[in-house]
Amino acid sequence: MSKTVGIGITGSIAAYKIADLVSKLKKDGVDVIVIMTEAATRFISPLTFKTLTGREVLTDLWQESPEWKVQHIGIAEQLDALVIAPATANFIAKMAHGIADDLLSTIVLANTSPILVVPAMNNNMYKNFIVQDNIKKLIRYGYKFMDPTSGLLACGTSGQGRLPEVDDIHAQITKLLFPQKDLLGKRLMVNAGTTCEDIDPVRFIANRATGKMGYRIAEEAVSRGADVILVSGNSTIEPPSGVKFETAWSADEMCQVMLKYQPACDIIIGAAAVGDFQITGVAGQKLKKVANRSDKLVLEFVGTPDILQELGKRKAKNQIIVGFAAETENIIENAKLKLEKKNLDFIVANDVTMEGAGFATDTNIVTIITRNGEVQSLPKMSKEDVAAALLDKVVDLLKI
């Protein structure tokens, strides 16, 4: 059955890249309806998209159309997915606040199909608190977002704000149109973010993890039909829609939450950066600053629980447990030791010192190591693609 995708193009210099995206979708046999804002037509001609799609490009809320009695309603009802790419800060704000003052924004409000938003803008605009709040609000409503990539921007600055590669956008649209449901009926629990260990009532120790990898795994698992429990340490990321969301502050707390849910889970993935140390005695009052820089404040640490090891001890028959190994040296050797010690089915190792891997990045470079000794090194890829590759491996194990 043929699928229909609406491509909403807004006023960004990256608009010209969408011609390639439309071409790829047409080659897939997808019917594409292009809707352009007035600003978008300043960057690329509607004629380009008319030629590629073989149908009129829609730009005017008031234009008459023989195809639909009420144009914006008819279009919305026909769509299997709506993609806003590139999405400007202005249009993201309009969506977040329900403003419908042109054809594309009215289609967004009338639409009931999945919406994928692909921002592209100056890095300072993207990081602006208002823009980020608008994005978080839309994620809560169930909109799906792709993070912009980092690099040289059209304005001459460098930072996060570039439109993702067209192939990556195409892959995300394909997943929306033809979702895999190979985890339907399975319950998956994943942890993410960083645990925090208190020093006193106002200070704590943590690590640099943001939670991106674990959140992407949760999102991918939901899209494949799994019943997902996301146990998150400290993170500023908005949880994906469709998950059961649990928060945990310390390693002890996260361990207890995961042990509680373990018996009901078919798959457990440990993607959180759990702290290895905790203070032996948390101060009841704020510790005072030392008198001068030569004075020393001595803190005593003990180990935190090894959550995956505790889960591995209680592993049920046919339960799959996967771990991550963030290393800085002897990557494969250290990962193999953790694989055996924690009774894992496979482990995902990465060198967090490599550019484009590890904490606070949109990409990762990982090696998957299985219990039978198989070592599969993956190239640098988005964390969404890493999540997909990891769950592909889980599905393979479920078939055994």
Protein backbone atom coordinates (compact mmCIF):
# COMPACT_ATOMS: atom_id res chain seq x y z
CA MET A 1 0.00 0.00 0.00
CA SER A 2 1.41 3.36 -1.00
CA LYS A 3 2.36 5.82 1.75
CA THR A 4 1.90 9.56 1.66
CA VAL A 5 4.30 11.96 3.37
CA GLY A 6 3.89 15.67 3.84
CA ILE A 7 7.16 17.59 3.66
CA GLY A 8 6.83 20.99 5.32
CA ILE A 9 9.66 23.33 4.34
CA THR A 10 10.30 26.51 6.31
CA GLY A 11 12.59 29.50 5.77
CA SER A 12 16.12 28.18 6.22
CA ILE A 13 19.08 28.13 3.85
CA ALA A 14 19.05 24.35 4.34
CA ALA A 15 15.79 24.21 2.35
CA TYR A 16 17.73 23.40 -0.82
CA LYS A 17 18.82 20.05 0.68
CA ILE A 18 15.23 18.88 0.87
CA ALA A 19 15.11 18.43 -2.90
CA ASP A 20 17.41 15.42 -2.48
CA LEU A 21 15.19 14.07 0.32
CA VAL A 22 12.06 14.37 -1.81
CA SER A 23 13.85 12.63 -4.68
CA LYS A 24 14.81 9.69 -2.43
CA LEU A 25 11.26 9.33 -1.13
CA LYS A 26 9.84 9.33 -4.65
CA LYS A 27 12.29 6.59 -5.64
CA ASP A 28 10.88 4.57 -2.71
CA GLY A 29 7.43 4.88 -4.25
CA VAL A 30 6.22 7.31 -1.59
CA ASP A 31 3.67 9.95 -2.57
CA VAL A 32 5.08 13.30 -1.42
CA ILE A 33 3.06 16.44 -0.77
CA VAL A 34 5.31 19.48 -0.37
CA ILE A 35 4.05 22.41 1.68
CA MET A 36 6.24 25.53 1.77
CA THR A 37 6.04 28.62 3.92
CA GLU A 38 6.40 31.97 2.17
CA ALA A 39 9.89 32.32 3.65
CA ALA A 40 10.91 28.92 2.27
CA THR A 41 10.09 30.05 -1.28
CA ARG A 42 12.76 32.75 -0.91
CA PHE A 43 15.44 30.04 -0.67
CA ILE A 44 14.28 27.51 -3.26
CA SER A 45 11.65 27.65 -5.97
CA PRO A 46 8.43 25.62 -5.63
CA LEU A 47 8.98 24.65 -9.27
CA THR A 48 11.86 22.43 -8.15
CA PHE A 49 9.57 20.37 -5.93
CA LYS A 50 6.74 20.36 -8.46
CA THR A 51 9.14 18.80 -10.95
CA LEU A 52 10.33 16.19 -8.44
CA THR A 53 6.89 15.23 -7.07
CA GLY A 54 4.77 15.63 -10.17
CA ARG A 55 2.18 17.59 -8.22
CA GLU A 56 1.49 21.18 -7.24
CA VAL A 57 3.48 22.59 -4.34
CA LEU A 58 1.20 24.08 -1.69
CA THR A 59 2.06 27.52 -0.36
CA ASP A 60 -1.16 29.45 0.22
CA LEU A 61 -3.80 28.83 2.88
CA TRP A 62 -6.41 30.42 0.63
CA GLN A 63 -5.62 28.84 -2.72
CA GLU A 64 -8.44 26.78 -4.20
CA SER A 65 -7.83 23.12 -4.81
CA PRO A 66 -10.04 20.65 -6.71
CA GLU A 67 -8.41 17.78 -4.80
CA TRP A 68 -9.64 18.76 -1.31
CA LYS A 69 -12.89 20.43 -0.27
CA VAL A 70 -11.15 22.05 2.72
CA GLN A 71 -7.49 22.08 1.76
CA HIS A 72 -5.63 21.94 5.10
CA ILE A 73 -8.04 19.32 6.53
CA GLY A 74 -7.96 17.17 3.41
CA ILE A 75 -4.16 17.19 3.26
CA ALA A 76 -3.82 16.30 6.95
CA GLU A 77 -6.24 13.39 6.61
CA GLN A 78 -4.26 11.98 3.70
CA LEU A 79 -0.86 11.89 5.43
CA ASP A 80 0.87 8.85 6.92
CA ALA A 81 3.60 11.13 8.31
CA LEU A 82 4.37 14.84 8.39
CA VAL A 83 7.97 16.04 8.29
CA ILE A 84 9.02 19.61 9.03
CA ALA A 85 12.46 20.02 7.51
CA PRO A 86 14.20 22.30 7.86
CA ALA A 87 12.35 23.61 10.91
CA THR A 88 13.21 27.16 11.94
CA ALA A 89 13.05 28.55 15.47
CA ASN A 90 10.05 30.61 14.41
CA PHE A 91 8.08 27.65 13.11
CA ILE A 92 8.94 25.49 16.14
CA ALA A 93 7.55 28.30 18.32
CA LYS A 94 4.36 28.42 16.26
CA MET A 95 3.85 24.66 16.65
CA ALA A 96 4.55 24.77 20.39
CA HIS A 97 1.94 27.47 20.94
CA GLY A 98 -0.71 26.27 18.51
CA ILE A 99 -0.44 29.22 16.13
CA ALA A 100 -2.08 28.55 12.77
CA ASP A 101 -1.56 31.55 10.50
CA ASP A 102 -0.48 29.90 7.25
CA LEU A 103 -1.11 26.67 5.37
CA LEU A 104 1.65 24.59 6.95
CA SER A 105 0.85 25.57 10.54
CA THR A 106 -2.86 24.81 10.03
CA ILE A 107 -1.96 21.39 8.60
CA VAL A 108 0.16 20.72 11.70
CA LEU A 109 -2.84 21.37 13.94
CA ALA A 110 -5.18 19.26 11.82
CA ASN A 111 -2.67 16.41 11.47
CA THR A 112 -3.06 13.14 13.40
CA SER A 113 -0.17 11.20 11.85
CA PRO A 114 3.38 11.05 13.35
CA ILE A 115 5.31 14.31 13.07
CA LEU A 116 9.08 14.44 12.61
CA VAL A 117 10.72 17.82 13.19
CA VAL A 118 14.24 18.48 11.87
CA PRO A 119 15.60 21.81 13.17
CA ALA A 120 18.24 23.84 11.33
CA MET A 121 19.39 27.25 12.49
CA ASN A 122 22.25 29.26 14.00
CA ASN A 123 23.76 27.43 16.98
CA ASN A 124 23.02 30.28 19.42
CA MET A 125 19.40 30.31 18.30
CA TYR A 126 19.17 26.53 18.71
CA LYS A 127 20.59 26.67 22.24
CA ASN A 128 18.37 29.58 23.27
CA PHE A 129 16.35 28.61 26.33
CA ILE A 130 13.08 29.58 24.65
CA VAL A 131 13.77 27.36 21.63
CA GLN A 132 14.79 24.46 23.86
CA ASP A 133 11.67 24.87 25.99
CA ASN A 134 9.53 24.83 22.85
CA ILE A 135 11.24 21.64 21.68
CA LYS A 136 10.72 19.97 25.06
CA LYS A 137 7.06 20.95 25.01
CA LEU A 138 6.55 19.42 21.56
CA ILE A 139 8.35 16.22 22.61
CA ARG A 140 5.91 15.94 25.52
CA TYR A 141 3.10 16.16 22.96
CA GLY A 142 4.62 13.21 21.08
CA TYR A 143 6.45 15.03 18.29
CA LYS A 144 9.67 13.33 17.21
CA PHE A 145 12.82 15.42 16.82
CA MET A 146 16.17 14.90 15.14
CA ASP A 147 19.07 16.76 16.71
CA PRO A 148 20.90 19.12 14.35
CA THR A 149 24.51 18.21 13.70
CA SER A 150 27.58 20.29 14.49
CA GLY A 151 29.87 22.00 12.00
CA LEU A 152 30.33 25.13 9.92
CA LEU A 153 27.05 27.02 9.54
CA ALA A 154 25.88 29.22 6.68
CA CYS A 155 26.20 32.32 8.87
CA GLY A 156 29.94 31.69 9.17
CA THR A 157 29.96 30.42 12.75
CA SER A 158 30.54 26.86 13.84
CA GLY A 159 28.39 24.85 16.22
CA GLN A 160 25.28 22.69 16.52
CA GLY A 161 22.64 23.81 14.08
CA ARG A 162 23.26 22.08 10.75
CA LEU A 163 20.51 20.06 9.11
CA PRO A 164 21.29 16.35 9.59
CA GLU A 165 22.43 14.40 6.56
CA VAL A 166 19.64 13.72 4.09
CA ASP A 167 20.27 9.96 4.33
CA ASP A 168 19.69 10.12 8.10
CA ILE A 169 16.45 12.06 7.67
CA HIS A 170 15.35 9.58 5.01
CA ALA A 171 16.07 6.69 7.39
CA GLN A 172 13.98 8.29 10.15
CA ILE A 173 11.05 8.82 7.77
CA THR A 174 11.29 5.20 6.63
CA LYS A 175 11.07 4.08 10.26
CA LEU A 176 7.97 6.22 10.76
CA LEU A 177 6.29 4.81 7.66
CA PHE A 178 7.35 1.19 8.06
CA PRO A 179 8.02 0.65 11.77
CA GLN A 180 9.59 -2.62 12.87
CA LYS A 181 7.52 -4.33 15.55
CA ASP A 182 10.00 -7.07 16.38
CA LEU A 183 9.85 -6.30 20.12
CA LEU A 184 6.07 -6.41 20.37
CA GLY A 185 5.04 -8.18 23.57
CA LYS A 186 8.45 -7.73 25.21
CA ARG A 187 9.17 -5.60 28.26
CA LEU A 188 12.48 -3.76 28.13
CA MET A 189 14.11 -1.76 30.91
CA VAL A 190 16.97 0.64 30.21
CA ASN A 191 18.78 3.03 32.51
CA ALA A 192 20.32 6.31 31.39
CA GLY A 193 21.97 9.51 32.56
CA THR A 194 24.36 9.93 35.46
CA THR A 195 23.90 8.98 39.09
CA CYS A 196 24.76 11.60 41.71
CA GLU A 197 26.31 11.06 45.13
CA ASP A 198 25.79 13.75 47.75
CA ILE A 199 28.70 15.39 49.55
CA ASP A 200 26.56 17.75 51.63
CA PRO A 201 23.07 19.28 51.22
CA VAL A 202 24.19 21.45 48.27
CA ARG A 203 27.03 19.53 46.58
CA PHE A 204 27.35 16.19 44.86
CA ILE A 205 29.71 14.27 42.60
CA ALA A 206 28.65 12.96 39.21
CA ASN A 207 30.10 12.38 35.75
CA ARG A 208 29.67 13.92 32.31
CA ALA A 209 26.94 11.64 30.98
CA THR A 210 23.86 13.34 29.54
CA GLY A 211 21.60 10.31 29.01
CA LYS A 212 21.42 10.63 25.22
CA MET A 213 22.37 7.01 24.51
CA GLY A 214 19.91 5.46 26.96
CA TYR A 215 17.08 7.76 25.91
CA ARG A 216 17.68 6.88 22.26
CA ILE A 217 17.52 3.18 23.14
CA ALA A 218 14.23 3.72 24.95
CA GLU A 219 12.81 5.64 22.00
CA GLU A 220 13.89 2.98 19.50
CA ALA A 221 12.47 0.19 21.66
CA VAL A 222 9.08 1.93 21.89
CA SER A 223 9.00 2.32 18.12
CA ARG A 224 9.59 -1.44 17.79
CA GLY A 225 6.61 -2.24 19.98
CA ALA A 226 8.29 -2.92 23.34
CA ASP A 227 6.80 -2.03 26.70
CA VAL A 228 9.62 0.23 27.94
CA ILE A 229 10.70 1.25 31.43
CA LEU A 230 13.26 4.09 31.40
CA VAL A 231 15.11 4.52 34.69
CA SER A 232 16.94 7.82 34.50
CA GLY A 233 19.59 9.41 36.63
CA ASN A 234 20.33 13.11 36.29
CA SER A 235 19.57 14.31 32.74
CA THR A 236 18.06 17.36 31.07
CA ILE A 237 16.62 15.35 28.17
CA GLU A 238 12.86 15.09 27.82
CA PRO A 239 11.81 11.42 28.11
CA PRO A 240 10.36 9.96 24.91
CA SER A 241 6.61 9.47 24.78
CA GLY A 242 5.29 6.01 25.47
CA VAL A 243 7.75 4.97 28.20
CA LYS A 244 7.20 4.30 31.89
CA PHE A 245 9.56 6.88 33.35
CA GLU A 246 11.30 6.42 36.70
CA THR A 247 13.93 8.73 38.16
CA ALA A 248 16.77 7.84 40.50
CA TRP A 249 19.34 10.13 42.11
CA SER A 250 22.05 7.88 43.53
CA ALA A 251 23.48 4.53 42.46
CA ASP A 252 21.80 2.85 45.44
CA GLU A 253 18.43 4.29 44.46
CA MET A 254 18.82 3.31 40.80
CA CYS A 255 19.82 -0.20 41.81
CA GLN A 256 16.72 -0.63 43.98
CA VAL A 257 14.40 0.64 41.24
CA MET A 258 15.88 -1.73 38.66
CA LEU A 259 15.84 -4.73 41.00
CA LYS A 260 12.15 -4.04 41.66
CA TYR A 261 11.28 -4.20 37.95
CA GLN A 262 13.75 -6.94 36.93
CA PRO A 263 11.46 -9.98 37.40
CA ALA A 264 8.91 -8.55 34.92
CA CYS A 265 11.48 -7.71 32.21
CA ASP A 266 12.53 -9.71 29.17
CA ILE A 267 15.39 -7.35 28.27
CA ILE A 268 17.55 -5.11 30.46
CA ILE A 269 20.06 -2.63 29.03
CA GLY A 270 22.48 -0.72 31.24
CA ALA A 271 23.33 2.51 29.44
CA ALA A 272 23.58 4.82 32.47
CA ALA A 273 26.94 6.15 33.62
CA VAL A 274 26.65 4.95 37.18
CA GLY A 275 29.13 6.58 39.55
CA ASP A 276 31.73 4.24 41.05
CA PHE A 277 32.20 6.08 44.35
CA GLN A 278 30.11 7.57 47.16
CA ILE A 279 31.05 9.59 50.22
CA THR A 280 31.38 7.53 53.42
CA GLY A 281 29.60 10.16 55.48
CA VAL A 282 27.45 12.84 53.86
CA ALA A 283 27.74 16.10 55.78
CA GLY A 284 24.51 17.26 57.40
CA GLN A 285 25.35 20.91 56.79
CA LYS A 286 27.06 22.71 53.92
CA LEU A 287 30.83 22.27 54.14
CA LYS A 288 32.56 25.59 54.54
CA LYS A 289 35.07 26.82 52.02
CA VAL A 290 38.70 26.32 53.07
CA ALA A 291 40.42 29.43 54.39
CA ASN A 292 42.92 29.60 51.55
CA ARG A 293 43.89 27.61 48.49
CA SER A 294 46.70 25.79 50.25
CA ASP A 295 44.31 24.20 52.77
CA LYS A 296 42.99 20.73 51.98
CA LEU A 297 39.56 19.22 52.29
CA VAL A 298 39.81 15.44 52.53
CA LEU A 299 36.83 13.30 51.55
CA GLU A 300 36.65 9.53 52.03
CA PHE A 301 34.98 7.39 49.39
CA VAL A 302 33.65 3.86 49.20
CA GLY A 303 32.30 1.97 46.21
CA THR A 304 28.73 2.13 44.90
CA PRO A 305 26.72 -0.97 44.00
CA ASP A 306 27.50 -2.49 40.62
CA ILE A 307 23.95 -2.42 39.29
CA LEU A 308 24.45 -4.69 36.29
CA GLN A 309 26.38 -7.19 38.37
CA GLU A 310 23.52 -7.32 40.88
CA LEU A 311 21.04 -7.79 38.05
CA GLY A 312 23.30 -10.43 36.49
CA LYS A 313 23.24 -12.46 39.72
CA ARG A 314 19.45 -12.56 39.55
CA LYS A 315 19.20 -13.12 35.81
CA ALA A 316 16.24 -15.30 34.91
CA LYS A 317 16.22 -17.97 32.23
CA ASN A 318 15.77 -16.39 28.77
CA GLN A 319 16.28 -12.89 30.21
CA ILE A 320 18.68 -10.80 28.12
CA ILE A 321 21.00 -8.34 29.87
CA VAL A 322 23.20 -5.90 27.94
CA GLY A 323 25.79 -3.51 29.33
CA PHE A 324 27.95 -0.60 28.19
CA ALA A 325 31.65 -0.23 28.91
CA ALA A 326 32.92 3.35 28.71
CA GLU A 327 36.71 3.01 28.74
CA THR A 328 39.80 5.14 28.14
CA GLU A 329 42.35 2.33 27.67
CA ASN A 330 42.47 -1.41 26.88
CA ILE A 331 38.94 -1.07 25.58
CA ILE A 332 38.27 -4.62 24.36
CA GLU A 333 40.10 -6.37 27.20
CA ASN A 334 38.32 -4.39 29.91
CA ALA A 335 34.97 -4.85 28.23
CA LYS A 336 35.41 -8.63 28.03
CA LEU A 337 36.17 -8.76 31.75
CA LYS A 338 32.97 -6.84 32.52
CA LEU A 339 31.00 -9.09 30.17
CA GLU A 340 31.95 -12.20 32.19
CA LYS A 341 31.86 -10.59 35.63
CA LYS A 342 28.36 -9.18 35.18
CA ASN A 343 26.87 -12.23 33.43
CA LEU A 344 25.87 -10.22 30.35
CA ASP A 345 24.71 -11.51 26.98
CA PHE A 346 26.74 -8.86 25.19
CA ILE A 347 28.48 -5.62 25.99
CA VAL A 348 28.83 -2.38 24.04
CA ALA A 349 32.32 -0.92 24.45
CA ASN A 350 33.47 2.55 23.52
CA ASP A 351 36.52 4.74 24.00
CA VAL A 352 35.16 7.95 25.51
CA THR A 353 38.36 9.82 24.60
CA MET A 354 37.66 9.48 20.86
CA GLU A 355 36.19 12.43 18.99
CA GLY A 356 32.54 11.76 18.23
CA ALA A 357 32.13 9.12 20.93
CA GLY A 358 31.12 8.98 24.57
CA PHE A 359 29.44 11.60 26.71
CA ALA A 360 27.43 14.62 25.52
CA THR A 361 27.80 13.82 21.80
CA ASP A 362 25.14 13.08 19.19
CA THR A 363 27.27 10.27 17.74
CA ASN A 364 29.05 7.23 19.11
CA ILE A 365 31.70 4.74 18.05
CA VAL A 366 31.11 1.34 19.60
CA THR A 367 32.20 -2.27 19.50
CA ILE A 368 29.72 -5.03 20.34
CA ILE A 369 31.24 -8.06 22.09
CA THR A 370 29.16 -11.21 22.63
CA ARG A 371 29.56 -14.10 25.08
CA ASN A 372 30.73 -16.41 22.30
CA GLY A 373 33.63 -14.06 21.52
CA GLU A 374 32.19 -12.30 18.48
CA VAL A 375 33.57 -8.75 18.15
CA GLN A 376 31.71 -6.33 15.87
CA SER A 377 33.17 -2.84 15.48
CA LEU A 378 30.74 -0.23 14.19
CA PRO A 379 31.76 3.02 12.46
CA LYS A 380 30.89 6.43 13.88
CA MET A 381 27.14 6.81 13.68
CA SER A 382 24.32 8.69 15.32
CA LYS A 383 23.19 7.43 18.70
CA GLU A 384 19.82 6.65 17.09
CA ASP A 385 21.61 4.28 14.70
CA VAL A 386 23.65 2.77 17.53
CA ALA A 387 20.41 2.11 19.42
CA ALA A 388 18.95 0.42 16.33
CA ALA A 389 22.05 -1.76 15.86
CA LEU A 390 22.01 -2.75 19.52
CA LEU A 391 18.34 -3.74 19.41
CA ASP A 392 18.93 -5.65 16.17
CA LYS A 393 21.43 -7.74 18.15
CA VAL A 394 18.87 -8.23 20.94
CA VAL A 395 16.27 -9.40 18.43
CA ASP A 396 18.77 -11.91 17.03
CA LEU A 397 19.25 -13.34 20.55
CA LEU A 398 15.50 -13.58 21.07
CA LYS A 399 15.28 -15.82 17.98
CA ILE A 400 17.79 -18.35 19.35
